[in-house]
N, C-alpha and C. Protein backbone atom coordinates (compact mmCIF):
# COMPACT_ATOMS: atom_id res chain seq x y z
N MET A 1 3.61 14.82 -21.40
CA MET A 1 3.35 13.43 -21.14
C MET A 1 4.61 12.78 -20.37
N THR A 2 4.41 11.94 -19.51
CA THR A 2 5.39 11.17 -18.98
C THR A 2 5.57 9.96 -19.41
N ALA A 3 6.66 9.26 -20.07
CA ALA A 3 6.74 8.10 -20.72
C ALA A 3 7.19 7.33 -19.41
N ILE A 4 6.70 6.06 -19.44
CA ILE A 4 6.91 5.02 -18.44
C ILE A 4 7.26 3.77 -19.00
N ALA A 5 7.92 2.93 -18.50
CA ALA A 5 8.24 1.39 -18.96
C ALA A 5 7.68 0.73 -17.87
N CYS A 6 6.70 -0.07 -18.17
CA CYS A 6 5.98 -1.16 -17.13
C CYS A 6 6.24 -2.46 -17.35
N LEU A 7 6.83 -2.94 -16.27
CA LEU A 7 7.17 -4.36 -16.28
C LEU A 7 6.17 -5.13 -15.71
N CYS A 8 6.18 -6.63 -16.23
CA CYS A 8 5.13 -7.56 -15.85
C CYS A 8 5.74 -8.90 -16.38
N THR A 9 5.86 -9.73 -15.29
CA THR A 9 6.27 -11.05 -15.59
C THR A 9 4.88 -12.07 -15.90
N CYS A 10 5.18 -13.04 -16.72
CA CYS A 10 4.11 -13.94 -17.09
C CYS A 10 4.65 -15.42 -17.08
N PRO A 11 3.90 -16.34 -17.06
CA PRO A 11 4.32 -17.66 -16.54
C PRO A 11 4.57 -18.47 -18.10
N ASP A 12 4.12 -17.92 -18.95
CA ASP A 12 4.59 -18.40 -20.08
C ASP A 12 4.17 -17.61 -21.52
N ALA A 13 4.86 -18.01 -22.57
CA ALA A 13 4.79 -17.18 -23.96
C ALA A 13 3.44 -16.83 -24.26
N ALA A 14 2.49 -17.96 -24.00
CA ALA A 14 0.94 -17.59 -24.65
C ALA A 14 0.46 -16.57 -23.89
N SER A 15 0.46 -16.55 -22.52
CA SER A 15 -0.14 -15.42 -21.82
C SER A 15 0.64 -14.12 -21.83
N ALA A 16 1.80 -14.28 -21.99
CA ALA A 16 2.54 -12.99 -22.39
C ALA A 16 2.23 -12.52 -23.68
N ARG A 17 1.89 -13.02 -24.71
CA ARG A 17 1.59 -12.53 -25.85
C ARG A 17 0.07 -11.99 -25.96
N ARG A 18 -0.65 -12.80 -25.52
CA ARG A 18 -2.06 -12.37 -25.07
C ARG A 18 -2.16 -11.03 -24.48
N ILE A 19 -1.46 -10.72 -23.43
CA ILE A 19 -1.43 -9.53 -22.71
C ILE A 19 -0.72 -8.41 -23.45
N ALA A 20 0.21 -8.67 -24.20
CA ALA A 20 0.95 -7.74 -25.12
C ALA A 20 0.00 -7.31 -25.95
N ASP A 21 -0.62 -8.26 -26.75
CA ASP A 21 -1.40 -8.06 -28.02
C ASP A 21 -2.58 -7.10 -27.56
N ALA A 22 -3.15 -7.45 -26.36
CA ALA A 22 -4.40 -6.68 -25.97
C ALA A 22 -3.91 -5.28 -25.23
N LEU A 23 -2.79 -5.07 -24.88
CA LEU A 23 -2.28 -3.68 -24.33
C LEU A 23 -1.96 -2.76 -25.64
N VAL A 24 -1.41 -3.29 -26.74
CA VAL A 24 -1.14 -2.59 -27.98
C VAL A 24 -2.58 -2.31 -28.59
N GLU A 25 -3.23 -3.37 -28.74
CA GLU A 25 -4.61 -2.99 -29.40
C GLU A 25 -5.34 -2.00 -28.95
N ALA A 26 -5.56 -2.03 -27.34
CA ALA A 26 -6.37 -1.06 -26.86
C ALA A 26 -5.50 0.31 -26.72
N ARG A 27 -4.37 0.39 -27.09
CA ARG A 27 -3.65 1.74 -27.15
C ARG A 27 -3.14 2.13 -25.63
N LEU A 28 -3.12 0.83 -24.84
CA LEU A 28 -2.57 1.27 -23.34
C LEU A 28 -1.23 0.98 -23.57
N ALA A 29 -0.51 0.50 -24.37
CA ALA A 29 1.03 0.48 -24.62
C ALA A 29 1.32 0.86 -26.36
N ALA A 30 2.41 1.57 -26.36
CA ALA A 30 2.52 1.84 -27.69
C ALA A 30 3.58 0.65 -28.42
N CYS A 31 4.10 0.04 -27.56
CA CYS A 31 4.94 -1.27 -27.80
C CYS A 31 5.08 -2.06 -26.66
N VAL A 32 5.10 -3.28 -26.85
CA VAL A 32 5.43 -4.18 -25.46
C VAL A 32 6.53 -5.18 -26.04
N ASN A 33 7.69 -5.25 -25.41
CA ASN A 33 8.81 -6.19 -25.59
C ASN A 33 8.53 -7.32 -24.79
N VAL A 34 8.48 -8.51 -25.72
CA VAL A 34 8.40 -9.93 -25.09
C VAL A 34 9.73 -10.55 -24.77
N LEU A 35 10.18 -10.65 -23.45
CA LEU A 35 11.51 -11.21 -23.29
C LEU A 35 11.30 -12.70 -22.29
N PRO A 36 11.59 -13.75 -23.32
CA PRO A 36 11.48 -14.97 -22.72
C PRO A 36 12.74 -15.26 -22.01
N GLY A 37 12.72 -16.74 -21.24
CA GLY A 37 13.94 -17.17 -20.52
C GLY A 37 14.41 -16.28 -19.34
N ILE A 38 13.63 -15.70 -18.57
CA ILE A 38 13.96 -15.18 -17.33
C ILE A 38 13.69 -16.19 -16.25
N THR A 39 14.45 -16.15 -15.35
CA THR A 39 14.09 -17.05 -13.91
C THR A 39 13.93 -15.92 -12.89
N SER A 40 12.76 -15.92 -12.19
CA SER A 40 12.42 -15.17 -10.98
C SER A 40 12.39 -16.16 -9.73
N VAL A 41 13.17 -15.25 -8.81
CA VAL A 41 13.27 -15.95 -7.40
C VAL A 41 12.62 -15.10 -6.49
N TYR A 42 11.59 -15.42 -5.77
CA TYR A 42 10.68 -14.61 -4.91
C TYR A 42 10.22 -15.30 -3.95
N ARG A 43 9.52 -14.58 -2.73
CA ARG A 43 9.12 -15.29 -1.70
C ARG A 43 7.62 -15.05 -1.85
N TRP A 44 6.77 -16.24 -1.66
CA TRP A 44 5.29 -16.22 -1.96
C TRP A 44 4.71 -17.37 -0.60
N GLN A 45 3.92 -16.50 -0.22
CA GLN A 45 3.14 -17.29 1.11
C GLN A 45 4.18 -17.91 1.89
N GLY A 46 5.44 -17.26 2.45
CA GLY A 46 6.22 -17.63 3.44
C GLY A 46 7.44 -18.74 2.75
N LYS A 47 7.38 -18.88 1.41
CA LYS A 47 8.29 -19.80 0.67
C LYS A 47 9.13 -19.05 -0.05
N VAL A 48 10.41 -19.36 -0.29
CA VAL A 48 11.12 -18.96 -1.30
C VAL A 48 10.80 -19.83 -2.67
N GLU A 49 10.50 -19.10 -3.75
CA GLU A 49 10.08 -20.04 -4.91
C GLU A 49 11.03 -19.61 -6.06
N GLN A 50 10.77 -20.59 -7.34
CA GLN A 50 11.78 -20.07 -8.28
C GLN A 50 10.86 -20.41 -9.51
N ALA A 51 10.80 -19.67 -10.62
CA ALA A 51 10.12 -20.02 -11.81
C ALA A 51 10.44 -19.51 -12.84
N ASP A 52 10.53 -20.07 -14.14
CA ASP A 52 10.84 -19.72 -15.43
C ASP A 52 9.64 -18.82 -15.79
N GLU A 53 10.05 -17.55 -16.32
CA GLU A 53 8.84 -16.73 -16.74
C GLU A 53 9.19 -15.90 -18.02
N VAL A 54 8.23 -15.19 -18.37
CA VAL A 54 8.59 -14.34 -19.50
C VAL A 54 8.27 -12.60 -19.13
N LEU A 55 9.19 -11.81 -19.23
CA LEU A 55 9.13 -10.51 -19.05
C LEU A 55 8.58 -9.70 -20.07
N LEU A 56 7.54 -8.80 -19.78
CA LEU A 56 6.91 -7.83 -20.66
C LEU A 56 7.55 -6.64 -20.24
N VAL A 57 7.61 -5.82 -21.10
CA VAL A 57 8.24 -4.48 -21.03
C VAL A 57 7.29 -3.49 -22.00
N ALA A 58 6.45 -2.63 -21.32
CA ALA A 58 5.38 -2.15 -21.81
C ALA A 58 5.79 -0.56 -21.95
N LYS A 59 5.78 0.13 -23.13
CA LYS A 59 6.05 1.44 -23.21
C LYS A 59 4.86 2.11 -23.05
N THR A 60 4.63 3.08 -22.24
CA THR A 60 3.43 3.74 -22.39
C THR A 60 3.54 5.15 -21.54
N VAL A 61 2.37 5.93 -21.21
CA VAL A 61 2.59 6.96 -20.60
C VAL A 61 1.64 6.96 -19.23
N ARG A 62 2.13 7.55 -18.26
CA ARG A 62 1.68 7.80 -16.77
C ARG A 62 0.02 7.60 -16.93
N ALA A 63 -0.50 8.48 -18.02
CA ALA A 63 -1.76 8.94 -17.79
C ALA A 63 -2.67 7.48 -18.15
N ARG A 64 -1.90 6.66 -18.70
CA ARG A 64 -2.77 5.22 -19.28
C ARG A 64 -2.46 4.13 -18.21
N LEU A 65 -1.41 4.37 -17.21
CA LEU A 65 -0.99 3.35 -16.29
C LEU A 65 -2.37 2.59 -15.40
N ASP A 66 -3.29 3.29 -14.95
CA ASP A 66 -4.30 2.66 -14.40
C ASP A 66 -5.08 1.71 -15.21
N ALA A 67 -5.15 2.11 -16.50
CA ALA A 67 -6.15 1.38 -17.35
C ALA A 67 -5.25 0.06 -17.64
N LEU A 68 -3.94 0.38 -17.89
CA LEU A 68 -3.01 -0.80 -18.22
C LEU A 68 -3.09 -1.66 -17.15
N THR A 69 -3.06 -1.33 -15.85
CA THR A 69 -2.85 -2.24 -14.70
C THR A 69 -4.29 -3.07 -14.62
N ARG A 70 -5.42 -2.39 -14.87
CA ARG A 70 -6.79 -3.03 -14.86
C ARG A 70 -6.91 -4.14 -15.95
N GLN A 71 -6.17 -3.98 -16.94
CA GLN A 71 -5.95 -4.85 -18.22
C GLN A 71 -5.32 -6.05 -17.80
N VAL A 72 -4.00 -5.52 -17.31
CA VAL A 72 -3.27 -6.78 -17.01
C VAL A 72 -3.91 -7.60 -16.05
N GLN A 73 -4.43 -7.15 -14.93
CA GLN A 73 -5.29 -7.96 -13.94
C GLN A 73 -6.40 -8.58 -14.58
N ALA A 74 -7.04 -8.11 -15.42
CA ALA A 74 -8.14 -8.92 -15.99
C ALA A 74 -7.62 -10.25 -16.82
N LEU A 75 -6.58 -10.00 -17.50
CA LEU A 75 -6.01 -11.01 -18.41
C LEU A 75 -5.01 -11.84 -17.82
N HIS A 76 -4.43 -11.59 -16.61
CA HIS A 76 -3.15 -12.51 -16.16
C HIS A 76 -3.67 -13.80 -15.20
N PRO A 77 -3.01 -14.78 -15.47
CA PRO A 77 -3.47 -15.78 -14.79
C PRO A 77 -3.07 -15.89 -13.25
N TYR A 78 -1.98 -15.09 -12.87
CA TYR A 78 -1.59 -15.02 -11.43
C TYR A 78 -2.45 -14.32 -10.62
N GLU A 79 -2.55 -14.75 -9.32
CA GLU A 79 -3.39 -14.00 -8.38
C GLU A 79 -2.85 -12.71 -8.19
N LEU A 80 -1.55 -12.30 -8.11
CA LEU A 80 -1.31 -11.32 -7.85
C LEU A 80 0.13 -10.71 -8.76
N PRO A 81 -0.36 -10.38 -10.04
CA PRO A 81 0.71 -10.15 -11.22
C PRO A 81 1.56 -8.89 -10.70
N GLU A 82 2.70 -8.92 -11.46
CA GLU A 82 3.81 -8.05 -11.31
C GLU A 82 3.23 -6.60 -12.27
N VAL A 83 3.22 -5.62 -11.69
CA VAL A 83 2.98 -4.70 -12.53
C VAL A 83 3.71 -3.37 -11.77
N VAL A 84 4.89 -3.00 -12.40
CA VAL A 84 5.77 -1.96 -12.03
C VAL A 84 6.23 -0.89 -12.89
N ALA A 85 5.99 0.09 -12.70
CA ALA A 85 6.21 1.17 -13.66
C ALA A 85 7.38 2.06 -13.18
N VAL A 86 8.33 2.33 -14.21
CA VAL A 86 9.52 3.22 -14.20
C VAL A 86 9.45 4.26 -15.05
N GLU A 87 9.78 5.42 -14.44
CA GLU A 87 9.55 6.55 -15.34
C GLU A 87 10.88 6.64 -16.48
N ILE A 88 10.64 6.98 -17.72
CA ILE A 88 11.81 6.89 -18.52
C ILE A 88 12.14 8.55 -18.52
N SER A 89 13.18 8.87 -17.89
CA SER A 89 13.81 10.08 -17.53
C SER A 89 14.44 10.74 -18.91
N GLY A 90 14.47 10.05 -20.12
CA GLY A 90 15.03 10.56 -21.07
C GLY A 90 14.91 9.71 -22.24
N GLY A 91 15.41 9.90 -23.43
CA GLY A 91 15.38 9.07 -24.66
C GLY A 91 15.40 10.10 -25.92
N LEU A 92 15.35 9.22 -27.12
CA LEU A 92 15.22 9.98 -28.32
C LEU A 92 13.92 10.64 -28.52
N PRO A 93 13.83 11.81 -28.52
CA PRO A 93 12.39 12.81 -28.49
C PRO A 93 11.59 12.13 -29.30
N ALA A 94 11.96 11.85 -30.59
CA ALA A 94 10.93 11.25 -31.75
C ALA A 94 10.27 10.17 -31.11
N TYR A 95 11.18 9.12 -30.37
CA TYR A 95 10.59 7.96 -29.97
C TYR A 95 9.68 8.22 -28.90
N LEU A 96 9.93 9.00 -27.75
CA LEU A 96 9.17 9.40 -26.72
C LEU A 96 7.79 10.11 -27.33
N ASP A 97 7.88 10.91 -28.33
CA ASP A 97 6.61 11.47 -28.97
C ASP A 97 5.82 10.11 -29.52
N TRP A 98 6.17 9.27 -30.09
CA TRP A 98 5.65 8.11 -30.64
C TRP A 98 4.79 7.37 -29.73
N ILE A 99 5.58 7.09 -28.43
CA ILE A 99 4.80 6.75 -27.36
C ILE A 99 3.70 7.31 -27.09
N ALA A 100 3.65 8.55 -26.79
CA ALA A 100 2.37 9.49 -26.38
C ALA A 100 1.42 9.48 -27.61
N ALA A 101 1.87 9.61 -28.78
CA ALA A 101 0.98 9.58 -29.91
C ALA A 101 0.04 8.17 -29.89
N GLU A 102 0.97 7.02 -29.66
CA GLU A 102 0.24 5.80 -29.87
C GLU A 102 -0.72 5.24 -28.78
N THR A 103 -0.47 5.98 -27.66
CA THR A 103 -1.22 5.49 -26.32
C THR A 103 -2.38 6.75 -26.18
N ARG A 104 -2.53 7.58 -27.15
CA ARG A 104 -3.52 8.74 -26.97
C ARG A 104 -4.79 8.01 -27.14
N THR A 105 -5.95 8.41 -26.36
CA THR A 105 -7.20 7.80 -26.57
C THR A 105 -7.75 8.74 -27.68
N GLY A 106 -8.42 7.76 -28.55
CA GLY A 106 -9.34 8.57 -29.57
C GLY A 106 -8.33 8.71 -30.75
N ALA A 107 -7.12 8.04 -30.80
CA ALA A 107 -6.25 8.25 -31.84
C ALA A 107 -6.59 7.28 -32.97
N ASN A 108 -6.33 7.84 -34.33
CA ASN A 108 -6.84 7.08 -35.50
C ASN A 108 -5.81 6.15 -35.73
N ASP A 109 -6.17 4.96 -36.27
CA ASP A 109 -5.30 3.88 -36.63
C ASP A 109 -4.63 4.01 -37.88
């Protein structure tokens, strides 16, 4: 299994927490870090914008990325939510195994 870290920005703590809870509850992510206090600068509809946001870092496996993306889209208040996946090329083997185990479909609670 290929472990990935999926990044997603949210407009506020409440929406970030709702999405994080849903991803872990559905076993779409083993863990989601909720990082408040970021500022994003981006171009949207021809204008440079700036927004205070909350960053989610969801640890999951590549096989669950499509389902995770659909869940984020269903819950996210943005018209075009950020969902960017980065492959985890290494790490503590036991932690990577835990990610795989916690995102396995049909896993026991």
